[in-house]
Structures are given as structure tokens and as C-alpha cells.
Amino acid sequence: MIFVIVALYGIIAGVFISKKKMKMSQAVLPMIALAILSSVALGQNYTVSLIPEANDGIGISNFLAAFLLPKVGWTNEMFLSKFELYLGISIALILLYFIFVVVEKE
């Protein structure tokens, strides 16, 4: 589901960029915000899953993590790997933003 939303946003942003109504750096900003928010939600979910007294076993602790994680097969390792994935995506998008800003200034 998240991939469909990102793909639709990419198409809409691509149309605006091609019509010169939006810069590429401006198009990356909402994706950065979503990636950072997702990283925070998944990181919080991972840390809560490490405390067995917080709930009966491990579970999903927030709405965004429930949206991003599969319905079955929960493990602490899976929570950590998803958190690291979205953290990497966030860092990559931030670097891409700075590259776009530098290229657009020239």
C-alpha cells in the first residue's frame, strides 16, 4: 500500500516538475518527512517490543507501524530490520535533497 502512495506521489510530482511548477528539491521534501516519521514510528515500535512487561509478548505499538509492518511473522529482528531500512531511506533522501539543492543553484 505504501508503495502505491509513493508511486502516485511520484507521478503527480513528475507532472509538476515537467511543467516547471515545482523544483525537484521541493518534491523530495514530503518524502523526507514521511520517511523520517516512519523511522521514528518503527524505532519506537522496536524499543517497545524489547520490553516484555510493556505488553503480552511483542506487538505493534502505533498506527504508522501497523501500516508499514506485515500482519504476521513479528520478531524483534524483523522490527529492527524494518527500522534500519526506513532509517537508510531517510538518510538517502536527505542526501538526495542536498544534491538537488546544489544542482538547482547552478
C-alpha atoms as a PDB file:
ATOM      1  CA  MET A   1       0.000   0.000   0.000  1.00  0.00           C
ATOM      2  CA  ILE A   2       2.776   2.423   0.868  1.00  0.00           C
ATOM      3  CA  PHE A   3       4.391   1.757  -2.496  1.00  0.00           C
ATOM      4  CA  VAL A   4       1.187   2.710  -4.306  1.00  0.00           C
ATOM      5  CA  ILE A   5       1.037   6.006  -2.430  1.00  0.00           C
ATOM      6  CA  VAL A   6       4.694   6.779  -3.188  1.00  0.00           C
ATOM      7  CA  ALA A   7       4.198   5.862  -6.864  1.00  0.00           C
ATOM      8  CA  LEU A   8       1.146   8.118  -7.174  1.00  0.00           C
ATOM      9  CA  TYR A   9       3.023  10.959  -5.493  1.00  0.00           C
ATOM     10  CA  GLY A  10       5.944  10.397  -7.881  1.00  0.00           C
ATOM     11  CA  ILE A  11       3.656  10.662 -10.898  1.00  0.00           C
ATOM     12  CA  ILE A  12       1.951  13.814  -9.606  1.00  0.00           C
ATOM     13  CA  ALA A  13       5.268  15.440  -8.646  1.00  0.00           C
ATOM     14  CA  GLY A  14       6.732  14.447 -12.024  1.00  0.00           C
ATOM     15  CA  VAL A  15       3.933  16.282 -13.817  1.00  0.00           C
ATOM     16  CA  PHE A  16       4.505  19.421 -11.735  1.00  0.00           C
ATOM     17  CA  ILE A  17       8.270  19.235 -12.270  1.00  0.00           C
ATOM     18  CA  SER A  18       7.877  18.791 -16.021  1.00  0.00           C
ATOM     19  CA  LYS A  19       5.590  21.858 -16.178  1.00  0.00           C
ATOM     20  CA  LYS A  20       8.192  23.873 -14.189  1.00  0.00           C
ATOM     21  CA  LYS A  21       5.731  24.497 -11.347  1.00  0.00           C
ATOM     22  CA  MET A  22       7.845  22.666  -8.770  1.00  0.00           C
ATOM     23  CA  LYS A  23      11.565  22.147  -8.234  1.00  0.00           C
ATOM     24  CA  MET A  24      12.924  18.646  -7.682  1.00  0.00           C
ATOM     25  CA  SER A  25      14.166  19.600  -4.219  1.00  0.00           C
ATOM     26  CA  GLN A  26      10.637  20.683  -3.274  1.00  0.00           C
ATOM     27  CA  ALA A  27       9.261  17.366  -4.491  1.00  0.00           C
ATOM     28  CA  VAL A  28      11.623  15.407  -2.226  1.00  0.00           C
ATOM     29  CA  LEU A  29      10.629  17.234   0.985  1.00  0.00           C
ATOM     30  CA  PRO A  30       7.306  15.395   1.608  1.00  0.00           C
ATOM     31  CA  MET A  31       9.035  12.066   1.019  1.00  0.00           C
ATOM     32  CA  ILE A  32      11.713  13.022   3.554  1.00  0.00           C
ATOM     33  CA  ALA A  33       9.048  13.935   6.103  1.00  0.00           C
ATOM     34  CA  LEU A  34       7.214  10.626   5.579  1.00  0.00           C
ATOM     35  CA  ALA A  35      10.449   8.611   5.776  1.00  0.00           C
ATOM     36  CA  ILE A  36      11.561  10.309   8.999  1.00  0.00           C
ATOM     37  CA  LEU A  37       8.112   9.895  10.558  1.00  0.00           C
ATOM     38  CA  SER A  38       8.129   6.220   9.549  1.00  0.00           C
ATOM     39  CA  SER A  39      11.605   5.748  11.025  1.00  0.00           C
ATOM     40  CA  VAL A  40      10.516   7.265  14.322  1.00  0.00           C
ATOM     41  CA  ALA A  41       7.376   5.100  14.449  1.00  0.00           C
ATOM     42  CA  LEU A  42       9.279   1.913  13.634  1.00  0.00           C
ATOM     43  CA  GLY A  43      12.066   2.772  16.083  1.00  0.00           C
ATOM     44  CA  GLN A  44       9.536   3.350  18.845  1.00  0.00           C
ATOM     45  CA  ASN A  45       7.816   0.079  17.964  1.00  0.00           C
ATOM     46  CA  TYR A  46      11.151  -1.783  18.117  1.00  0.00           C
ATOM     47  CA  THR A  47      12.110  -0.352  21.507  1.00  0.00           C
ATOM     48  CA  VAL A  48       8.690  -1.155  22.981  1.00  0.00           C
ATOM     49  CA  SER A  49       8.974  -4.725  21.688  1.00  0.00           C
ATOM     50  CA  LEU A  50      12.200  -5.138  23.689  1.00  0.00           C
ATOM     51  CA  ILE A  51      10.294  -4.630  26.963  1.00  0.00           C
ATOM     52  CA  PRO A  52       8.196  -7.774  27.517  1.00  0.00           C
ATOM     53  CA  GLU A  53       6.498  -6.229  30.578  1.00  0.00           C
ATOM     54  CA  ALA A  54       5.010  -3.450  28.416  1.00  0.00           C
ATOM     55  CA  ASN A  55       2.509  -5.835  26.806  1.00  0.00           C
ATOM     56  CA  ASP A  56       1.788  -9.560  26.384  1.00  0.00           C
ATOM     57  CA  GLY A  57       4.627 -10.576  24.087  1.00  0.00           C
ATOM     58  CA  ILE A  58       5.501  -8.356  21.168  1.00  0.00           C
ATOM     59  CA  GLY A  59       3.046  -6.287  19.229  1.00  0.00           C
ATOM     60  CA  ILE A  60       2.517  -3.190  17.167  1.00  0.00           C
ATOM     61  CA  SER A  61       2.610  -0.067  19.311  1.00  0.00           C
ATOM     62  CA  ASN A  62       1.418   2.677  16.941  1.00  0.00           C
ATOM     63  CA  PHE A  63      -0.760   3.246  13.894  1.00  0.00           C
ATOM     64  CA  LEU A  64       2.000   4.023  11.400  1.00  0.00           C
ATOM     65  CA  ALA A  65       3.999   0.931  12.358  1.00  0.00           C
ATOM     66  CA  ALA A  66       0.850  -1.165  11.885  1.00  0.00           C
ATOM     67  CA  PHE A  67       0.504   0.331   8.410  1.00  0.00           C
ATOM     68  CA  LEU A  68       4.146  -0.419   7.487  1.00  0.00           C
ATOM     69  CA  LEU A  69       4.656  -3.864   9.012  1.00  0.00           C
ATOM     70  CA  PRO A  70       3.183  -7.180   7.852  1.00  0.00           C
ATOM     71  CA  LYS A  71       0.276  -8.705   9.752  1.00  0.00           C
ATOM     72  CA  VAL A  72       2.126 -11.903  10.710  1.00  0.00           C
ATOM     73  CA  GLY A  73       5.654 -13.044  11.462  1.00  0.00           C
ATOM     74  CA  TRP A  74       6.567 -10.448  14.054  1.00  0.00           C
ATOM     75  CA  THR A  75      10.006 -10.789  15.611  1.00  0.00           C
ATOM     76  CA  ASN A  76      12.343  -8.315  17.240  1.00  0.00           C
ATOM     77  CA  GLU A  77      14.795  -8.888  14.390  1.00  0.00           C
ATOM     78  CA  MET A  78      12.136  -8.051  11.793  1.00  0.00           C
ATOM     79  CA  PHE A  79      11.208  -4.871  13.677  1.00  0.00           C
ATOM     80  CA  LEU A  80      14.888  -3.879  13.789  1.00  0.00           C
ATOM     81  CA  SER A  81      15.453  -4.633  10.102  1.00  0.00           C
ATOM     82  CA  LYS A  82      12.428  -2.538   9.047  1.00  0.00           C
ATOM     83  CA  PHE A  83      13.588   0.324  11.276  1.00  0.00           C
ATOM     84  CA  GLU A  84      17.073   0.193   9.751  1.00  0.00           C
ATOM     85  CA  LEU A  85      15.594   0.082   6.238  1.00  0.00           C
ATOM     86  CA  TYR A  86      13.495   3.205   6.758  1.00  0.00           C
ATOM     87  CA  LEU A  87      16.376   4.957   8.524  1.00  0.00           C
ATOM     88  CA  GLY A  88      18.547   4.258   5.475  1.00  0.00           C
ATOM     89  CA  ILE A  89      15.826   5.547   3.163  1.00  0.00           C
ATOM     90  CA  SER A  90      15.572   8.720   5.262  1.00  0.00           C
ATOM     91  CA  ILE A  91      19.317   9.340   5.086  1.00  0.00           C
ATOM     92  CA  ALA A  92      19.386   8.651   1.347  1.00  0.00           C
ATOM     93  CA  LEU A  93      16.522  11.081   0.707  1.00  0.00           C
ATOM     94  CA  ILE A  94      18.191  13.791   2.795  1.00  0.00           C
ATOM     95  CA  LEU A  95      21.406  13.372   0.795  1.00  0.00           C
ATOM     96  CA  LEU A  96      19.393  13.432  -2.438  1.00  0.00           C
ATOM     97  CA  TYR A  97      17.727  16.665  -1.298  1.00  0.00           C
ATOM     98  CA  PHE A  98      21.088  18.348  -0.741  1.00  0.00           C
ATOM     99  CA  ILE A  99      22.300  17.176  -4.142  1.00  0.00           C
ATOM    100  CA  PHE A 100      19.175  18.617  -5.808  1.00  0.00           C
ATOM    101  CA  VAL A 101      19.611  21.929  -3.978  1.00  0.00           C
ATOM    102  CA  VAL A 102      23.226  22.232  -5.127  1.00  0.00           C
ATOM    103  CA  VAL A 103      22.373  21.297  -8.733  1.00  0.00           C
ATOM    104  CA  GLU A 104      19.409  23.697  -8.871  1.00  0.00           C
ATOM    105  CA  LYS A 105      21.521  26.627  -7.635  1.00  0.00           C
ATOM    106  CA  GLU A 106      23.789  26.352 -10.700  1.00  0.00           C
END
